[in-house]
Amino acid sequence: MSITRTRASALALARAGLLLAAPVAAFFNMTSRLASASDMRPNVEYHAHAR
């Protein structure tokens, strides 16, 4: 879901909040792309523990 500046303002997010959230979103996007590009897969043993 994409959030626009207008919608963020409607949600009462201050400009400072947007500036704090933007790098987090960018980092998540970058790591997802790197994982996809390098064909990373989840650790099967870890996920088998059913935590």
PDB file of N, CA and C in Angstrom:
ATOM      1  N   MET A   1       0.843  -1.175   0.000  1.00  0.00           N
ATOM      2  CA  MET A   1       0.000   0.000   0.000  1.00  0.00           C
ATOM      3  C   MET A   1       0.883   1.231   0.000  1.00  0.00           C
ATOM      4  N   SER A   2       0.667   2.102  -0.938  1.00  0.00           N
ATOM      5  CA  SER A   2       1.442   3.321  -1.049  1.00  0.00           C
ATOM      6  C   SER A   2       0.756   4.434  -0.265  1.00  0.00           C
ATOM      7  N   ILE A   3       1.552   5.202   0.450  1.00  0.00           N
ATOM      8  CA  ILE A   3       0.991   6.317   1.206  1.00  0.00           C
ATOM      9  C   ILE A   3       1.501   7.621   0.597  1.00  0.00           C
ATOM     10  N   THR A   4       0.580   8.491   0.260  1.00  0.00           N
ATOM     11  CA  THR A   4       0.957   9.758  -0.341  1.00  0.00           C
ATOM     12  C   THR A   4       1.127  10.807   0.749  1.00  0.00           C
ATOM     13  N   ARG A   5       1.802  11.888   0.404  1.00  0.00           N
ATOM     14  CA  ARG A   5       2.015  12.961   1.365  1.00  0.00           C
ATOM     15  C   ARG A   5       0.693  13.540   1.849  1.00  0.00           C
ATOM     16  N   THR A   6      -0.278  13.661   0.956  1.00  0.00           N
ATOM     17  CA  THR A   6      -1.584  14.188   1.333  1.00  0.00           C
ATOM     18  C   THR A   6      -2.265  13.260   2.328  1.00  0.00           C
ATOM     19  N   ARG A   7      -2.204  11.971   2.054  1.00  0.00           N
ATOM     20  CA  ARG A   7      -2.830  11.011   2.965  1.00  0.00           C
ATOM     21  C   ARG A   7      -2.104  10.984   4.303  1.00  0.00           C
ATOM     22  N   ALA A   8      -0.783  11.110   4.269  1.00  0.00           N
ATOM     23  CA  ALA A   8      -0.013  11.140   5.511  1.00  0.00           C
ATOM     24  C   ALA A   8      -0.407  12.348   6.348  1.00  0.00           C
ATOM     25  N   SER A   9      -0.616  13.471   5.696  1.00  0.00           N
ATOM     26  CA  SER A   9      -1.051  14.666   6.413  1.00  0.00           C
ATOM     27  C   SER A   9      -2.421  14.446   7.029  1.00  0.00           C
ATOM     28  N   ALA A  10      -3.266  13.760   6.311  1.00  0.00           N
ATOM     29  CA  ALA A  10      -4.597  13.458   6.830  1.00  0.00           C
ATOM     30  C   ALA A  10      -4.499  12.545   8.038  1.00  0.00           C
ATOM     31  N   LEU A  11      -3.489  11.719   8.086  1.00  0.00           N
ATOM     32  CA  LEU A  11      -3.274  10.827   9.219  1.00  0.00           C
ATOM     33  C   LEU A  11      -2.488  11.514  10.334  1.00  0.00           C
ATOM     34  N   ALA A  12      -2.257  12.796  10.180  1.00  0.00           N
ATOM     35  CA  ALA A  12      -1.572  13.629  11.177  1.00  0.00           C
ATOM     36  C   ALA A  12      -0.116  13.225  11.386  1.00  0.00           C
ATOM     37  N   LEU A  13       0.521  12.743  10.345  1.00  0.00           N
ATOM     38  CA  LEU A  13       1.951  12.468  10.428  1.00  0.00           C
ATOM     39  C   LEU A  13       2.703  13.748  10.102  1.00  0.00           C
ATOM     40  N   ALA A  14       3.552  14.143  10.978  1.00  0.00           N
ATOM     41  CA  ALA A  14       4.332  15.352  10.771  1.00  0.00           C
ATOM     42  C   ALA A  14       5.410  15.092   9.728  1.00  0.00           C
ATOM     43  N   ARG A  15       5.910  16.153   9.164  1.00  0.00           N
ATOM     44  CA  ARG A  15       6.993  16.031   8.178  1.00  0.00           C
ATOM     45  C   ARG A  15       8.173  15.287   8.783  1.00  0.00           C
ATOM     46  N   ALA A  16       8.470  15.556  10.040  1.00  0.00           N
ATOM     47  CA  ALA A  16       9.582  14.878  10.707  1.00  0.00           C
ATOM     48  C   ALA A  16       9.337  13.372  10.772  1.00  0.00           C
ATOM     49  N   GLY A  17       8.095  12.982  11.004  1.00  0.00           N
ATOM     50  CA  GLY A  17       7.763  11.560  11.043  1.00  0.00           C
ATOM     51  C   GLY A  17       7.960  10.906   9.703  1.00  0.00           C
ATOM     52  N   LEU A  18       7.598  11.607   8.647  1.00  0.00           N
ATOM     53  CA  LEU A  18       7.798  11.077   7.301  1.00  0.00           C
ATOM     54  C   LEU A  18       9.282  10.930   6.993  1.00  0.00           C
ATOM     55  N   LEU A  19      10.078  11.899   7.436  1.00  0.00           N
ATOM     56  CA  LEU A  19      11.513  11.834   7.186  1.00  0.00           C
ATOM     57  C   LEU A  19      12.177  10.709   7.980  1.00  0.00           C
ATOM     58  N   LEU A  20      11.581  10.338   9.098  1.00  0.00           N
ATOM     59  CA  LEU A  20      12.107   9.207   9.864  1.00  0.00           C
ATOM     60  C   LEU A  20      11.675   7.874   9.258  1.00  0.00           C
ATOM     61  N   ALA A  21      10.476   7.833   8.704  1.00  0.00           N
ATOM     62  CA  ALA A  21       9.953   6.588   8.149  1.00  0.00           C
ATOM     63  C   ALA A  21      10.539   6.267   6.776  1.00  0.00           C
ATOM     64  N   ALA A  22      10.885   7.274   6.011  1.00  0.00           N
ATOM     65  CA  ALA A  22      11.376   7.064   4.644  1.00  0.00           C
ATOM     66  C   ALA A  22      12.631   6.201   4.577  1.00  0.00           C
ATOM     67  N   PRO A  23      13.658   6.446   5.403  1.00  0.00           N
ATOM     68  CA  PRO A  23      14.851   5.577   5.320  1.00  0.00           C
ATOM     69  C   PRO A  23      14.567   4.132   5.721  1.00  0.00           C
ATOM     70  N   VAL A  24      13.656   3.940   6.661  1.00  0.00           N
ATOM     71  CA  VAL A  24      13.306   2.574   7.072  1.00  0.00           C
ATOM     72  C   VAL A  24      12.655   1.837   5.905  1.00  0.00           C
ATOM     73  N   ALA A  25      11.726   2.506   5.237  1.00  0.00           N
ATOM     74  CA  ALA A  25      11.062   1.901   4.081  1.00  0.00           C
ATOM     75  C   ALA A  25      12.063   1.639   2.960  1.00  0.00           C
ATOM     76  N   ALA A  26      12.983   2.562   2.734  1.00  0.00           N
ATOM     77  CA  ALA A  26      13.992   2.398   1.685  1.00  0.00           C
ATOM     78  C   ALA A  26      14.925   1.228   2.004  1.00  0.00           C
ATOM     79  N   PHE A  27      15.318   1.093   3.274  1.00  0.00           N
ATOM     80  CA  PHE A  27      16.209  -0.002   3.664  1.00  0.00           C
ATOM     81  C   PHE A  27      15.507  -1.346   3.493  1.00  0.00           C
ATOM     82  N   PHE A  28      14.234  -1.417   3.896  1.00  0.00           N
ATOM     83  CA  PHE A  28      13.468  -2.652   3.725  1.00  0.00           C
ATOM     84  C   PHE A  28      13.381  -3.018   2.248  1.00  0.00           C
ATOM     85  N   ASN A  29      13.130  -2.032   1.405  1.00  0.00           N
ATOM     86  CA  ASN A  29      13.041  -2.262  -0.035  1.00  0.00           C
ATOM     87  C   ASN A  29      14.379  -2.776  -0.572  1.00  0.00           C
ATOM     88  N   MET A  30      15.477  -2.158  -0.124  1.00  0.00           N
ATOM     89  CA  MET A  30      16.798  -2.558  -0.600  1.00  0.00           C
ATOM     90  C   MET A  30      17.111  -3.997  -0.191  1.00  0.00           C
ATOM     91  N   THR A  31      16.844  -4.342   1.081  1.00  0.00           N
ATOM     92  CA  THR A  31      17.172  -5.689   1.529  1.00  0.00           C
ATOM     93  C   THR A  31      16.302  -6.734   0.834  1.00  0.00           C
ATOM     94  N   SER A  32      15.059  -6.394   0.567  1.00  0.00           N
ATOM     95  CA  SER A  32      14.182  -7.325  -0.152  1.00  0.00           C
ATOM     96  C   SER A  32      14.697  -7.562  -1.565  1.00  0.00           C
ATOM     97  N   ARG A  33      15.169  -6.511  -2.216  1.00  0.00           N
ATOM     98  CA  ARG A  33      15.704  -6.655  -3.568  1.00  0.00           C
ATOM     99  C   ARG A  33      16.992  -7.466  -3.583  1.00  0.00           C
ATOM    100  N   LEU A  34      17.856  -7.234  -2.575  1.00  0.00           N
ATOM    101  CA  LEU A  34      19.097  -8.002  -2.494  1.00  0.00           C
ATOM    102  C   LEU A  34      18.804  -9.488  -2.249  1.00  0.00           C
ATOM    103  N   ALA A  35      17.852  -9.764  -1.369  1.00  0.00           N
ATOM    104  CA  ALA A  35      17.489 -11.154  -1.096  1.00  0.00           C
ATOM    105  C   ALA A  35      16.925 -11.811  -2.346  1.00  0.00           C
ATOM    106  N   SER A  36      16.115 -11.080  -3.076  1.00  0.00           N
ATOM    107  CA  SER A  36      15.535 -11.620  -4.304  1.00  0.00           C
ATOM    108  C   SER A  36      16.613 -11.850  -5.358  1.00  0.00           C
ATOM    109  N   ALA A  37      17.524 -10.892  -5.509  1.00  0.00           N
ATOM    110  CA  ALA A  37      18.574 -10.988  -6.524  1.00  0.00           C
ATOM    111  C   ALA A  37      19.541 -12.134  -6.238  1.00  0.00           C
ATOM    112  N   SER A  38      19.798 -12.388  -4.941  1.00  0.00           N
ATOM    113  CA  SER A  38      20.744 -13.441  -4.592  1.00  0.00           C
ATOM    114  C   SER A  38      20.050 -14.782  -4.326  1.00  0.00           C
ATOM    115  N   ASP A  39      18.746 -14.834  -4.586  1.00  0.00           N
ATOM    116  CA  ASP A  39      17.951 -16.043  -4.432  1.00  0.00           C
ATOM    117  C   ASP A  39      18.038 -16.620  -3.023  1.00  0.00           C
ATOM    118  N   MET A  40      17.986 -15.732  -2.021  1.00  0.00           N
ATOM    119  CA  MET A  40      18.006 -16.170  -0.621  1.00  0.00           C
ATOM    120  C   MET A  40      16.697 -16.872  -0.289  1.00  0.00           C
ATOM    121  N   ARG A  41      16.790 -17.902   0.525  1.00  0.00           N
ATOM    122  CA  ARG A  41      15.625 -18.651   0.975  1.00  0.00           C
ATOM    123  C   ARG A  41      15.606 -18.659   2.504  1.00  0.00           C
ATOM    124  N   PRO A  42      14.429 -18.781   3.108  1.00  0.00           N
ATOM    125  CA  PRO A  42      14.356 -18.842   4.571  1.00  0.00           C
ATOM    126  C   PRO A  42      15.094 -20.064   5.110  1.00  0.00           C
ATOM    127  N   ASN A  43      15.559 -19.940   6.325  1.00  0.00           N
ATOM    128  CA  ASN A  43      16.248 -21.034   6.991  1.00  0.00           C
ATOM    129  C   ASN A  43      15.198 -22.066   7.410  1.00  0.00           C
ATOM    130  N   VAL A  44      15.196 -23.209   6.758  1.00  0.00           N
ATOM    131  CA  VAL A  44      14.185 -24.245   6.986  1.00  0.00           C
ATOM    132  C   VAL A  44      14.241 -24.763   8.421  1.00  0.00           C
ATOM    133  N   GLU A  45      15.442 -24.987   8.946  1.00  0.00           N
ATOM    134  CA  GLU A  45      15.581 -25.509  10.307  1.00  0.00           C
ATOM    135  C   GLU A  45      14.988 -24.546  11.331  1.00  0.00           C
ATOM    136  N   TYR A  46      15.226 -23.267  11.179  1.00  0.00           N
ATOM    137  CA  TYR A  46      14.703 -22.276  12.109  1.00  0.00           C
ATOM    138  C   TYR A  46      13.183 -22.244  12.060  1.00  0.00           C
ATOM    139  N   HIS A  47      12.608 -22.232  10.892  1.00  0.00           N
ATOM    140  CA  HIS A  47      11.159 -22.147  10.752  1.00  0.00           C
ATOM    141  C   HIS A  47      10.468 -23.467  11.119  1.00  0.00           C
ATOM    142  N   ALA A  48      11.209 -24.568  11.148  1.00  0.00           N
ATOM    143  CA  ALA A  48      10.628 -25.863  11.527  1.00  0.00           C
ATOM    144  C   ALA A  48      10.355 -25.953  13.017  1.00  0.00           C
ATOM    145  N   HIS A  49      10.911 -25.044  13.803  1.00  0.00           N
ATOM    146  CA  HIS A  49      10.692 -25.064  15.249  1.00  0.00           C
ATOM    147  C   HIS A  49       9.294 -24.624  15.633  1.00  0.00           C
ATOM    148  N   ALA A  50       8.529 -24.082  14.692  1.00  0.00           N
ATOM    149  CA  ALA A  50       7.132 -23.664  14.916  1.00  0.00           C
ATOM    150  C   ALA A  50       7.003 -22.742  16.120  1.00  0.00           C
ATOM    151  N   ARG A  51       7.784 -21.703  16.101  1.00  0.00           N
ATOM    152  CA  ARG A  51       7.745 -20.748  17.222  1.00  0.00           C
ATOM    153  C   ARG A  51       6.591 -19.823  17.093  1.00  0.00           C
TER     154      ARG A  51
END
